[in-house]
Amino acid sequence: MQGKKIYQEKLFNDFRLSERVPEHNFYRRLRSVLDLNYLYALTKGFYGDSGQKSIDPIVFFKFCLVGYLENLTSDRKLIEHYAMRLDILFFLGYDIDEELPWHSTISRTRQLFPEDVFETVFSNVFKLCVEAGMVSGHTQAVDSAPVKSNASMDSLELKVPEEELEAHLRKLRHISASDKEKPLRQAKTNKAANDQQHISASSTELQEIKSRNKKWAKDQDQRPGAGNKGSKYTSNKTHYSSTDPDARISVKPGKARKLNYLSQLSVDTAHHVISDIKAYHADGKDNQQLQDIVQRLKGRLWREGLVWENCVADTGYSSGDNYAFLERQRIKSFIPPHGTYKGGPKGFDYIEDGNYWLCPQGKKVTFRKKKLEKGTLKDNYFTRRSDCKGCPIKTQCIGNSHEKRINITAYREEYERNIARVNSPKGRYMKAKRQSTVEPVFGTLTQFMGLGKVNTIGLAQANKCMHLSAMAYNLKKYLKFVQKRTKSGAGSLASSFSIKTPFQKSISWILRHSNIDSSLV
């Protein structure tokens, strides 16, 4: 006999949400392991003593984490999505008949809490992974990737020098036809500070941009349909975004020029746990940010009783200053040098005892002074004029000059030690480890963890979004790791024996029983 289902709502229902969510459900297991009660004391200072009660800080962070776990970054869509999911309601602590917060409440609370609160929650999630035995600490892979900002290229405005605006436009607004017209989507208010609206680049840099603009316009005109696109070459030295002043123009080969932020990511190579993440301006170089990353990450690892030994990164982080800094921190660098480093002039031998170079004719090129050139500390070596006078290879060696000059990085020894490590069997292993560790993590964050685009304004807000995305990633990794250990029986074995090494125990004891500020370590 054919059945026919007729739906009729009941006046009264006997319903328990906890009974409808299965025991093996992801959010039920996450609720049992994620303890956020410390947030009450951590955020108490950001609220007043009177007025209407705000959203629970624990509920707020759970709201945000679920958004990145579900790859949803729109606060409006979050509320709609949560209302249809029983397991998410159970994780948040809401019953099916309770009204969820307004989407604007989530946005305002995100702006209320400073970056330190989000970083503290991230560090506690990282601690959870350390206690589970997922983090070795000795090898960290560092990489960066641009993340789209919440600003359009149409919001770009020209920076203004101290002279008259119209005079400046007559000189520099030959960039493209579209740049002479009013922007398609102009911001209602200009959020940029006054100093950002004025040109700070030198005349030499501006001349380079003018030459690049002419070449760009010529190349674009030769492309099919280029005249209809109104393409233009823009630079951070001449343009800024009035919508999001912290966003910067950046581009990768084969990609369109966009307003982006730069995400600097560090991953532990043991089980691909994210150990550090932070947002930077997209126009900065990786080698300028490495020392800040190392100091922050080393302190976090130290607080967990872990020692950082190897730093693995790509060529973008290469610089003599960074090599020397890592050696002072007692960290071995596995960073391929940039192509500009040649190791010295061809045919010249370096004599370490006397700190001089010996030319093919046996003449000394002696050390004279250290000099800072374009931000790089260099050693300057000169010969005497009498040594080069009448030399048979003078024309090929120095041309019309009077003496041989060698300007080489002051960190030559650090370069050579790093190159030896990179070219060793361990260095080749480290390169493969980096490619299989940090790069897939970035792909997961951008494609499946809500980091394809930052839907907030400002560098501080972008940093919060990146921490939330990294927290969601680590928690997902943690639950998967714990579940495997439980099935294999390793979890019960680990509960009988401490997973911390003797060194970790001693460091933890020192930090608990002393007045040492671990942030200074």
Protein backbone atom coordinates (compact mmCIF):
# COMPACT_ATOMS: atom_id res chain seq x y z
CA MET A 1 0.00 0.00 0.00
CA GLN A 2 1.38 3.40 -0.99
CA GLY A 3 2.16 5.72 1.88
CA LYS A 4 1.55 9.43 1.93
CA LYS A 5 3.23 11.79 4.44
CA ILE A 6 1.17 14.72 5.65
CA TYR A 7 2.97 17.42 7.65
CA GLN A 8 1.09 19.07 10.49
CA GLU A 9 2.76 21.13 13.15
CA LYS A 10 2.24 20.05 16.74
CA LEU A 11 1.07 22.48 19.35
CA PHE A 12 3.46 21.01 21.94
CA ASN A 13 6.77 19.24 21.37
CA ASP A 14 9.04 17.17 23.57
CA PHE A 15 12.40 17.91 21.96
CA ARG A 16 15.99 17.82 23.25
CA LEU A 17 18.65 19.29 20.99
CA SER A 18 21.44 17.34 22.70
CA GLU A 19 19.69 14.06 21.84
CA ARG A 20 19.46 14.94 18.14
CA VAL A 21 23.18 15.65 17.67
CA PRO A 22 25.14 12.38 17.20
CA GLU A 23 28.04 11.56 19.51
CA HIS A 24 30.56 11.50 16.65
CA ASN A 25 29.41 14.86 15.23
CA PHE A 26 32.27 17.31 14.60
CA TYR A 27 30.78 20.23 16.54
CA ARG A 28 29.76 18.02 19.46
CA ARG A 29 33.35 16.79 19.79
CA LEU A 30 34.66 20.35 19.35
CA ARG A 31 32.40 21.58 22.15
CA SER A 32 33.81 18.96 24.52
CA VAL A 33 37.48 19.93 23.95
CA LEU A 34 37.33 23.70 23.39
CA ASP A 35 37.41 25.56 26.71
CA LEU A 36 36.99 29.33 26.31
CA ASN A 37 35.99 30.26 29.87
CA TYR A 38 39.13 32.38 30.27
CA LEU A 39 37.56 34.88 27.85
CA TYR A 40 35.32 36.30 30.59
CA ALA A 41 38.31 37.62 32.55
CA LEU A 42 40.23 38.51 29.39
CA THR A 43 37.47 40.73 27.92
CA LYS A 44 35.91 42.12 31.10
CA GLY A 45 37.70 45.45 30.75
CA PHE A 46 36.02 46.20 27.40
CA TYR A 47 32.51 46.36 28.89
CA GLY A 48 30.76 48.83 31.14
CA ASP A 49 29.01 48.11 34.45
CA SER A 50 25.55 49.16 33.31
CA GLY A 51 23.35 49.02 30.26
CA GLN A 52 22.00 46.19 28.14
CA LYS A 53 23.88 42.91 28.17
CA SER A 54 25.99 42.23 25.11
CA ILE A 55 26.68 38.96 23.33
CA ASP A 56 28.60 36.39 25.38
CA PRO A 57 32.30 36.59 24.37
CA ILE A 58 32.49 32.79 24.20
CA VAL A 59 29.47 32.72 21.89
CA PHE A 60 31.05 35.44 19.74
CA PHE A 61 34.27 33.50 19.22
CA LYS A 62 32.32 30.32 18.49
CA PHE A 63 30.25 32.25 15.93
CA CYS A 64 33.40 33.42 14.19
CA LEU A 65 35.15 30.03 14.31
CA VAL A 66 32.18 28.22 12.79
CA GLY A 67 32.11 30.78 9.99
CA TYR A 68 35.67 29.92 8.99
CA LEU A 69 35.07 26.20 9.48
CA GLU A 70 32.09 26.48 7.10
CA ASN A 71 33.99 28.82 4.72
CA LEU A 72 31.46 31.61 5.27
CA THR A 73 32.73 35.14 5.94
CA SER A 74 29.52 37.16 5.52
CA ASP A 75 27.92 37.88 8.91
CA ARG A 76 24.45 37.98 7.35
CA LYS A 77 24.87 34.55 5.75
CA LEU A 78 26.27 33.18 9.00
CA ILE A 79 23.05 33.85 10.89
CA GLU A 80 20.94 32.27 8.16
CA HIS A 81 23.22 29.22 8.00
CA TYR A 82 23.34 28.69 11.77
CA ALA A 83 19.55 28.77 12.09
CA MET A 84 19.30 25.70 9.80
CA ARG A 85 21.93 23.56 11.57
CA LEU A 86 21.09 21.70 14.78
CA ASP A 87 24.71 20.71 15.47
CA ILE A 88 25.93 24.32 15.19
CA LEU A 89 23.14 25.54 17.48
CA PHE A 90 24.19 22.90 20.02
CA PHE A 91 27.83 24.02 19.73
CA LEU A 92 26.86 27.67 20.25
CA GLY A 93 24.63 26.83 23.22
CA TYR A 94 21.39 28.01 21.58
CA ASP A 95 18.10 26.09 21.59
CA ILE A 96 15.95 25.84 18.46
CA ASP A 97 13.46 28.43 19.74
CA GLU A 98 16.11 30.98 20.81
CA GLU A 99 16.70 34.01 18.63
CA LEU A 100 20.23 34.36 17.27
CA PRO A 101 22.13 37.67 17.57
CA TRP A 102 21.95 40.31 14.85
CA HIS A 103 24.71 40.20 12.27
CA SER A 104 25.71 43.76 13.21
CA THR A 105 26.38 42.57 16.78
CA ILE A 106 29.06 40.21 15.47
CA SER A 107 30.68 43.00 13.46
CA ARG A 108 30.67 45.49 16.35
CA THR A 109 32.09 42.94 18.80
CA ARG A 110 34.87 42.07 16.36
CA GLN A 111 35.85 45.74 16.32
CA LEU A 112 35.52 46.01 20.11
CA PHE A 113 38.12 43.37 20.98
CA PRO A 114 41.76 44.28 20.18
CA GLU A 115 44.18 42.08 18.27
CA ASP A 116 45.77 40.80 21.49
CA VAL A 117 42.58 38.97 22.47
CA PHE A 118 42.48 37.08 19.16
CA GLU A 119 46.17 36.25 19.41
CA THR A 120 45.67 34.93 22.96
CA VAL A 121 42.88 32.61 21.80
CA PHE A 122 45.09 31.44 18.92
CA SER A 123 47.96 30.72 21.33
CA ASN A 124 45.64 28.66 23.56
CA VAL A 125 44.45 26.62 20.58
CA PHE A 126 48.10 26.11 19.63
CA LYS A 127 48.80 24.96 23.20
CA LEU A 128 46.03 22.38 22.80
CA CYS A 129 47.88 20.96 19.77
CA VAL A 130 51.20 20.95 21.67
CA GLU A 131 49.70 18.98 24.56
CA ALA A 132 48.30 16.44 22.10
CA GLY A 133 51.81 15.82 20.74
CA MET A 134 51.18 17.40 17.33
CA VAL A 135 54.01 19.97 17.50
CA SER A 136 57.72 19.14 17.45
CA GLY A 137 58.88 22.77 17.46
CA HIS A 138 62.39 22.16 16.09
CA THR A 139 61.57 22.92 12.41
CA GLN A 140 59.31 25.76 11.25
CA ALA A 141 58.47 26.53 7.61
CA VAL A 142 57.72 30.19 6.80
CA ASP A 143 55.95 31.52 3.72
CA SER A 144 53.73 34.40 2.62
CA ALA A 145 50.78 34.90 0.27
CA PRO A 146 48.62 37.88 -0.73
CA VAL A 147 45.03 37.95 0.56
CA LYS A 148 42.43 40.07 -1.20
CA SER A 149 41.29 43.14 0.70
CA ASN A 150 37.80 44.58 0.86
CA ALA A 151 38.62 47.43 -1.51
CA SER A 152 38.30 47.93 -5.25
CA MET A 153 40.95 49.27 -7.61
CA ASP A 154 38.36 51.88 -8.58
CA SER A 155 38.76 53.42 -5.11
CA LEU A 156 42.36 54.45 -5.86
CA GLU A 157 43.22 58.13 -5.60
CA LEU A 158 46.37 59.91 -6.76
CA LYS A 159 48.75 61.06 -4.04
CA VAL A 160 49.20 64.82 -4.04
CA PRO A 161 52.57 66.61 -3.66
CA GLU A 162 52.95 69.87 -1.83
CA GLU A 163 52.47 71.78 -5.08
CA GLU A 164 49.13 72.58 -6.73
CA LEU A 165 46.98 69.55 -7.53
CA GLU A 166 46.17 70.64 -11.09
CA ALA A 167 49.83 71.20 -11.91
CA HIS A 168 50.61 67.74 -10.64
CA LEU A 169 47.81 66.19 -12.70
CA ARG A 170 49.13 67.81 -15.88
CA LYS A 171 52.53 66.23 -15.24
CA LEU A 172 51.64 62.74 -14.05
CA ARG A 173 48.10 61.85 -15.14
CA HIS A 174 49.16 60.40 -18.45
CA ILE A 175 48.94 56.93 -16.88
CA SER A 176 45.72 56.00 -18.73
CA ALA A 177 42.57 57.51 -20.13
CA SER A 178 40.45 56.10 -17.31
CA ASP A 179 42.67 57.74 -14.69
CA LYS A 180 41.80 61.21 -16.02
CA GLU A 181 38.15 60.67 -15.32
CA LYS A 182 36.30 60.39 -12.05
CA PRO A 183 36.69 56.93 -10.45
CA LEU A 184 33.82 54.56 -11.18
CA ARG A 185 33.18 53.86 -7.49
CA GLN A 186 34.43 56.70 -5.37
CA ALA A 187 34.37 56.37 -1.58
CA LYS A 188 31.88 58.51 0.32
CA THR A 189 34.56 59.49 2.83
CA ASN A 190 38.33 59.42 2.51
CA LYS A 191 39.63 57.22 5.35
CA ALA A 192 43.32 57.79 4.57
CA ALA A 193 45.46 59.93 6.85
CA ASN A 194 46.80 63.23 5.51
CA ASP A 195 50.39 61.99 5.30
CA GLN A 196 49.29 59.04 3.14
CA GLN A 197 47.59 61.35 0.63
CA HIS A 198 50.86 63.12 -0.19
CA ILE A 199 53.71 61.77 -2.28
CA SER A 200 56.71 60.70 -0.23
CA ALA A 201 58.65 59.10 -3.11
CA SER A 202 61.78 60.78 -4.45
CA SER A 203 62.00 62.35 -7.90
CA THR A 204 64.11 59.40 -9.10
CA GLU A 205 61.43 56.91 -8.05
CA LEU A 206 58.72 58.97 -9.72
CA GLN A 207 60.75 59.11 -12.93
CA GLU A 208 61.06 55.32 -12.88
CA ILE A 209 57.28 55.04 -12.51
CA LYS A 210 56.74 57.43 -15.45
CA SER A 211 58.98 55.29 -17.66
CA ARG A 212 57.20 52.14 -16.50
CA ASN A 213 53.82 53.75 -17.22
CA LYS A 214 54.78 54.56 -20.82
CA LYS A 215 56.01 51.02 -21.44
CA TRP A 216 52.89 49.58 -19.80
CA ALA A 217 50.56 51.72 -21.94
CA LYS A 218 52.45 50.75 -25.10
CA ASP A 219 52.31 47.04 -24.28
CA GLN A 220 48.61 47.21 -23.40
CA ASP A 221 47.72 48.99 -26.66
CA GLN A 222 49.15 46.05 -28.62
CA ARG A 223 46.83 43.58 -26.94
CA PRO A 224 43.45 42.75 -28.56
CA GLY A 225 40.71 44.84 -26.99
CA ALA A 226 43.11 46.78 -24.79
CA GLY A 227 41.60 50.12 -25.78
CA ASN A 228 38.20 49.13 -24.40
CA LYS A 229 39.55 47.90 -21.09
CA GLY A 230 41.15 51.19 -20.08
CA SER A 231 43.98 49.32 -18.38
CA LYS A 232 46.38 51.32 -16.24
CA TYR A 233 49.60 50.83 -14.33
CA THR A 234 49.34 51.91 -10.70
CA SER A 235 51.93 52.11 -7.96
CA ASN A 236 51.80 52.45 -4.17
CA LYS A 237 54.14 55.44 -4.53
CA THR A 238 51.59 57.42 -6.54
CA HIS A 239 48.22 55.93 -5.50
CA TYR A 240 46.36 55.00 -2.31
CA SER A 241 42.96 53.52 -1.53
CA SER A 242 40.52 55.95 0.05
CA THR A 243 38.29 53.03 1.11
CA ASP A 244 40.94 50.95 2.88
CA PRO A 245 44.18 52.93 3.33
CA ASP A 246 45.98 49.88 4.77
CA ALA A 247 45.44 47.84 1.60
CA ARG A 248 48.33 47.93 -0.87
CA ILE A 249 48.68 47.24 -4.58
CA SER A 250 50.49 43.98 -5.26
CA VAL A 251 50.76 41.52 -8.13
CA LYS A 252 52.14 38.08 -8.86
CA PRO A 253 53.33 36.95 -12.30
CA GLY A 254 50.35 36.16 -14.49
CA LYS A 255 47.88 37.74 -12.04
CA ALA A 256 45.96 41.02 -12.12
CA ARG A 257 47.00 43.94 -9.96
CA LYS A 258 44.81 44.02 -6.84
CA LEU A 259 44.59 45.69 -3.46
CA ASN A 260 45.81 43.04 -1.02
CA TYR A 261 47.15 42.28 2.41
CA LEU A 262 50.12 40.02 2.96
CA SER A 263 49.68 36.98 5.19
CA GLN A 264 52.87 35.69 6.83
CA LEU A 265 52.41 32.08 7.91
CA SER A 266 54.58 29.71 9.94
CA VAL A 267 53.84 25.97 10.06
CA ASP A 268 55.34 23.26 12.24
CA THR A 269 56.57 20.45 10.00
CA ALA A 270 55.56 17.57 12.31
CA HIS A 271 51.78 17.58 11.70
CA HIS A 272 51.32 20.83 9.72
CA VAL A 273 50.01 22.84 12.68
CA ILE A 274 49.99 26.60 12.16
CA SER A 275 52.34 28.09 14.74
CA ASP A 276 52.09 31.77 13.76
CA ILE A 277 50.15 34.03 11.41
CA LYS A 278 49.94 37.78 10.96
CA ALA A 279 48.77 40.37 8.44
CA TYR A 280 51.26 42.85 6.95
CA HIS A 281 51.14 45.54 4.28
CA ALA A 282 51.31 43.91 0.85
CA ASP A 283 54.02 46.27 -0.44
CA GLY A 284 56.54 45.06 2.16
CA LYS A 285 59.24 42.51 1.38
CA ASP A 286 59.41 39.13 3.06
CA ASN A 287 63.01 39.63 4.20
CA GLN A 288 61.98 42.82 6.02
CA GLN A 289 59.42 40.94 8.13
CA LEU A 290 61.34 37.75 9.00
CA GLN A 291 62.92 39.08 12.20
CA ASP A 292 59.55 40.18 13.57
CA ILE A 293 58.14 36.71 12.78
CA VAL A 294 61.07 34.94 14.45
CA GLN A 295 60.88 36.96 17.68
CA ARG A 296 57.14 36.42 18.04
CA LEU A 297 57.21 32.73 17.14
CA LYS A 298 60.25 31.88 19.25
CA GLY A 299 58.54 33.32 22.32
CA ARG A 300 55.39 31.26 21.67
CA LEU A 301 57.40 28.04 21.28
CA TRP A 302 59.47 28.82 24.37
CA ARG A 303 56.36 29.25 26.51
CA GLU A 304 55.35 25.74 25.49
CA GLY A 305 58.79 24.33 26.34
CA LEU A 306 59.82 23.86 22.70
CA VAL A 307 63.17 24.76 21.12
CA TRP A 308 63.29 26.12 17.58
CA GLU A 309 66.31 24.81 15.65
CA ASN A 310 65.64 25.08 11.88
CA CYS A 311 64.02 27.89 9.89
CA VAL A 312 62.95 26.90 6.36
CA ALA A 313 61.83 29.56 3.86
CA ASP A 314 62.10 30.53 0.20
CA THR A 315 64.44 33.01 -1.49
CA GLY A 316 62.22 35.98 -0.69
CA TYR A 317 63.43 35.89 2.93
CA SER A 318 67.10 35.92 1.94
CA SER A 319 69.36 38.68 3.25
CA GLY A 320 72.67 38.77 5.07
CA ASP A 321 71.12 40.62 8.00
CA ASN A 322 68.54 37.83 8.40
CA TYR A 323 71.20 35.11 8.26
CA ALA A 324 73.20 36.87 10.97
CA PHE A 325 70.08 37.45 13.07
CA LEU A 326 69.09 33.76 12.92
CA GLU A 327 72.61 32.73 13.93
CA ARG A 328 72.42 35.04 16.95
CA GLN A 329 69.13 33.35 17.84
CA ARG A 330 70.87 29.96 17.47
CA ILE A 331 68.55 28.96 14.63
CA LYS A 332 69.88 27.27 11.49
CA SER A 333 68.64 28.91 8.30
CA PHE A 334 67.70 26.93 5.21
CA ILE A 335 66.95 29.89 2.94
CA PRO A 336 68.30 29.87 -0.64
CA PRO A 337 70.25 33.08 -1.36
CA HIS A 338 69.04 35.63 -3.86
CA GLY A 339 70.54 35.55 -7.36
CA THR A 340 72.30 38.87 -6.78
CA TYR A 341 74.77 37.23 -4.37
CA LYS A 342 77.82 36.01 -6.33
CA GLY A 343 80.26 35.33 -3.49
CA GLY A 344 82.91 37.73 -4.78
CA PRO A 345 84.49 38.79 -8.11
CA LYS A 346 85.51 36.08 -10.55
CA GLY A 347 89.18 35.15 -10.41
CA PHE A 348 89.78 36.84 -7.03
CA ASP A 349 90.64 34.79 -3.91
CA TYR A 350 89.57 35.92 -0.43
CA ILE A 351 92.28 35.71 2.24
CA GLU A 352 90.50 35.45 5.56
CA ASP A 353 93.54 36.00 7.82
CA GLY A 354 94.31 39.43 6.38
CA ASN A 355 90.76 40.31 5.32
CA TYR A 356 91.71 41.15 1.74
CA TRP A 357 91.19 39.86 -1.81
CA LEU A 358 94.02 38.66 -4.04
CA CYS A 359 93.69 39.52 -7.73
CA PRO A 360 94.89 37.20 -10.56
CA GLN A 361 98.11 39.26 -10.76
CA GLY A 362 98.86 38.78 -7.05
CA LYS A 363 97.90 42.31 -5.92
CA LYS A 364 95.97 42.92 -2.70
CA VAL A 365 92.51 44.51 -2.65
CA THR A 366 92.48 45.66 0.98
CA PHE A 367 89.54 46.48 3.26
CA ARG A 368 88.82 50.20 3.66
CA LYS A 369 85.42 50.73 5.31
CA LYS A 370 81.86 49.51 5.87
CA LYS A 371 79.12 51.44 4.13
CA LEU A 372 75.32 51.26 4.15
CA GLU A 373 74.11 51.18 0.54
CA LYS A 374 70.34 51.14 -0.10
CA GLY A 375 69.70 49.53 3.27
CA THR A 376 72.39 46.87 2.85
CA LEU A 377 75.60 46.91 4.89
CA LYS A 378 78.60 46.35 2.57
CA ASP A 379 82.36 45.98 2.93
CA ASN A 380 84.43 48.15 0.56
CA TYR A 381 87.82 46.88 -0.67
CA PHE A 382 90.21 49.04 -2.79
CA THR A 383 93.58 48.51 -4.45
CA ARG A 384 96.28 51.15 -4.61
CA ARG A 385 96.51 53.07 -7.88
CA SER A 386 100.12 52.08 -8.26
CA ASP A 387 99.13 48.38 -8.15
CA CYS A 388 96.81 48.71 -11.15
CA LYS A 389 99.02 51.05 -13.15
CA GLY A 390 100.57 49.14 -16.04
CA CYS A 391 98.69 45.90 -15.22
CA PRO A 392 98.29 43.70 -18.34
CA ILE A 393 94.62 42.95 -17.56
CA LYS A 394 93.67 46.45 -16.41
CA THR A 395 91.28 47.10 -19.31
CA GLN A 396 89.34 43.88 -18.75
CA CYS A 397 89.38 44.29 -14.96
CA ILE A 398 88.61 47.94 -14.21
CA GLY A 399 88.27 49.64 -17.61
CA ASN A 400 88.99 53.38 -17.31
CA SER A 401 89.06 53.41 -13.49
CA HIS A 402 92.24 53.98 -11.51
CA GLU A 403 91.83 51.21 -8.92
CA LYS A 404 89.90 47.99 -8.36
CA ARG A 405 86.91 48.35 -6.05
CA ILE A 406 85.02 45.43 -4.51
CA ASN A 407 81.75 46.19 -2.77
CA ILE A 408 80.41 43.01 -1.18
CA THR A 409 77.94 42.26 1.58
CA ALA A 410 79.30 42.49 5.11
CA TYR A 411 77.60 39.17 5.88
CA ARG A 412 79.62 37.09 3.42
CA GLU A 413 80.50 34.42 6.03
CA GLU A 414 76.86 34.03 7.03
CA TYR A 415 75.91 33.70 3.36
CA GLU A 416 78.50 30.97 2.81
CA ARG A 417 77.42 28.97 5.87
CA ASN A 418 73.77 29.19 4.80
CA ILE A 419 74.62 28.14 1.22
CA ALA A 420 76.50 25.11 2.54
CA ARG A 421 73.42 24.07 4.55
CA VAL A 422 71.05 24.64 1.62
CA ASN A 423 73.18 22.54 -0.76
CA SER A 424 73.62 19.68 1.71
CA PRO A 425 71.40 16.55 1.65
CA LYS A 426 69.56 17.92 4.68
CA GLY A 427 68.99 21.20 2.83
CA ARG A 428 67.41 19.41 -0.12
CA TYR A 429 65.21 17.50 2.32
CA MET A 430 64.19 20.76 4.00
CA LYS A 431 63.23 22.29 0.65
CA ALA A 432 60.92 19.38 -0.13
CA LYS A 433 59.53 19.60 3.41
CA ARG A 434 58.69 23.28 2.97
CA GLN A 435 56.94 22.69 -0.36
CA SER A 436 54.84 19.89 1.12
CA THR A 437 54.08 21.70 4.39
CA VAL A 438 53.41 25.42 4.29
CA GLU A 439 52.20 25.78 0.68
CA PRO A 440 49.31 23.26 0.99
CA VAL A 441 48.28 24.94 4.25
CA PHE A 442 47.94 28.28 2.46
CA GLY A 443 45.83 26.62 -0.21
CA THR A 444 43.53 25.15 2.44
CA LEU A 445 43.10 28.50 4.20
CA THR A 446 42.31 30.43 1.02
CA GLN A 447 40.03 27.82 -0.57
CA PHE A 448 38.25 26.19 2.38
CA MET A 449 38.82 28.32 5.51
CA GLY A 450 37.42 31.72 4.54
CA LEU A 451 40.75 33.42 3.78
CA GLY A 452 40.11 33.93 0.08
CA LYS A 453 39.18 37.52 0.87
CA VAL A 454 39.20 39.71 3.97
CA ASN A 455 35.76 41.28 4.40
CA THR A 456 36.90 43.87 6.93
CA ILE A 457 38.63 47.25 6.68
CA GLY A 458 42.07 47.96 8.12
CA LEU A 459 45.21 46.02 8.96
CA ALA A 460 44.15 45.29 12.55
CA GLN A 461 40.82 43.79 11.45
CA ALA A 462 42.56 41.74 8.73
CA ASN A 463 44.91 40.35 11.38
CA LYS A 464 41.92 39.19 13.44
CA CYS A 465 40.43 37.40 10.43
CA MET A 466 43.71 35.60 9.76
CA HIS A 467 43.99 34.45 13.37
CA LEU A 468 40.42 33.13 13.29
CA SER A 469 41.07 31.23 10.06
CA ALA A 470 44.26 29.70 11.53
CA MET A 471 42.38 28.73 14.73
CA ALA A 472 39.72 26.95 12.69
CA TYR A 473 42.41 25.09 10.75
CA ASN A 474 44.28 23.99 13.90
CA LEU A 475 41.10 22.85 15.65
CA LYS A 476 40.11 20.74 12.66
CA LYS A 477 43.60 19.22 12.60
CA TYR A 478 43.44 18.60 16.35
CA LEU A 479 40.11 16.73 16.30
CA LYS A 480 41.26 14.56 13.41
CA PHE A 481 44.55 13.76 15.18
CA VAL A 482 42.87 12.94 18.50
CA GLN A 483 40.31 10.71 16.79
CA LYS A 484 43.07 8.71 15.07
CA ARG A 485 44.95 8.29 18.35
CA THR A 486 41.81 7.08 20.09
CA LYS A 487 41.07 4.49 17.40
CA SER A 488 44.67 3.23 17.33
CA GLY A 489 44.98 3.08 21.13
CA ALA A 490 47.75 5.68 21.20
CA GLY A 491 45.52 8.04 23.17
CA SER A 492 45.22 5.70 26.13
CA LEU A 493 48.98 5.09 26.05
CA ALA A 494 49.71 8.83 26.03
CA SER A 495 47.43 9.35 29.04
CA SER A 496 49.58 6.92 31.05
CA PHE A 497 52.86 8.62 30.15
CA SER A 498 53.65 12.30 29.84
CA ILE A 499 54.24 13.37 26.24
CA LYS A 500 56.56 16.20 27.31
CA THR A 501 60.30 15.75 27.08
CA PRO A 502 62.47 16.41 30.18
CA PHE A 503 63.50 19.76 28.68
CA GLN A 504 59.85 20.74 28.20
CA LYS A 505 59.11 19.82 31.81
CA SER A 506 62.01 21.91 33.12
CA ILE A 507 61.04 24.95 31.01
CA SER A 508 57.40 24.71 32.13
CA TRP A 509 58.51 24.47 35.79
CA ILE A 510 60.79 27.52 35.43
CA LEU A 511 58.03 29.62 33.85
CA ARG A 512 55.55 28.62 36.60
CA HIS A 513 57.89 29.19 39.56
CA SER A 514 59.72 32.34 38.49
CA ASN A 515 58.98 35.95 37.64
CA ILE A 516 60.37 35.63 34.10
CA ASP A 517 58.26 37.35 31.49
CA SER A 518 58.00 34.66 28.80
CA SER A 519 57.22 37.28 26.15
CA LEU A 520 60.79 38.56 26.53
CA VAL A 521 62.33 35.14 25.91
